[in-house]
Amino acid sequence: MLSYAITFFIIALLAGIFGFWGVAGLAAGIAKVLCVVFIVLMIVSLFSGRSRRL
């Protein structure tokens, strides 16, 4: 999931350099959403991994 966010970030950078502002904005938006989802899933997995079932 994090690799997708990095990929869309690179696409956004390249599109911004070449002047495709619409594509850059779309790719940056997708990268932001994927990054937030990754962080939320990481936090959930940290808390679920620490709890022990008795």
Protein backbone atom coordinates (compact mmCIF):
# COMPACT_ATOMS: atom_id res chain seq x y z
CA MET A 1 0.00 0.00 0.00
CA LEU A 2 2.83 2.37 0.81
CA SER A 3 4.47 1.55 -2.52
CA TYR A 4 1.29 2.70 -4.31
CA ALA A 5 1.39 5.99 -2.42
CA ILE A 6 5.03 6.51 -3.37
CA THR A 7 4.28 5.61 -7.00
CA PHE A 8 1.44 8.13 -7.24
CA PHE A 9 3.64 10.75 -5.55
CA ILE A 10 6.33 10.24 -8.21
CA ILE A 11 3.69 10.42 -10.96
CA ALA A 12 2.44 13.67 -9.44
CA LEU A 13 5.95 15.12 -9.39
CA LEU A 14 6.65 14.16 -12.99
CA ALA A 15 3.28 15.42 -14.20
CA GLY A 16 3.84 18.70 -12.36
CA ILE A 17 7.25 19.14 -13.95
CA PHE A 18 5.88 18.56 -17.44
CA GLY A 19 2.89 20.88 -16.91
CA PHE A 20 0.02 18.42 -16.59
CA TRP A 21 -1.46 20.11 -13.53
CA GLY A 22 -4.75 18.19 -13.62
CA VAL A 23 -2.96 14.84 -13.65
CA ALA A 24 -0.56 16.02 -10.96
CA GLY A 25 -3.41 17.08 -8.69
CA LEU A 26 -5.24 13.81 -9.19
CA ALA A 27 -2.15 11.70 -8.53
CA ALA A 28 -1.25 13.75 -5.47
CA GLY A 29 -4.77 13.32 -4.11
CA ILE A 30 -4.62 9.56 -4.59
CA ALA A 31 -1.19 9.44 -2.92
CA LYS A 32 -2.51 11.38 0.09
CA VAL A 33 -5.48 9.06 0.52
CA LEU A 34 -3.34 5.94 0.24
CA CYS A 35 -0.83 7.34 2.71
CA VAL A 36 -3.56 8.06 5.27
CA VAL A 37 -5.04 4.58 4.79
CA PHE A 38 -1.57 3.07 5.27
CA ILE A 39 -1.00 5.01 8.50
CA VAL A 40 -4.42 4.04 9.89
CA LEU A 41 -3.86 0.36 9.07
CA MET A 42 -0.39 0.50 10.65
CA ILE A 43 -1.81 1.96 13.88
CA VAL A 44 -4.60 -0.63 13.98
CA SER A 45 -2.14 -3.47 13.45
CA LEU A 46 0.13 -2.16 16.20
CA PHE A 47 -2.70 -2.07 18.72
CA SER A 48 -4.18 -5.40 17.68
CA GLY A 49 -0.79 -7.08 17.85
CA ARG A 50 -0.20 -5.96 21.42
CA SER A 51 -3.46 -7.23 22.89
CA ARG A 52 -3.41 -10.76 24.21
CA ARG A 53 -6.47 -12.95 24.37
CA LEU A 54 -6.83 -14.81 27.66
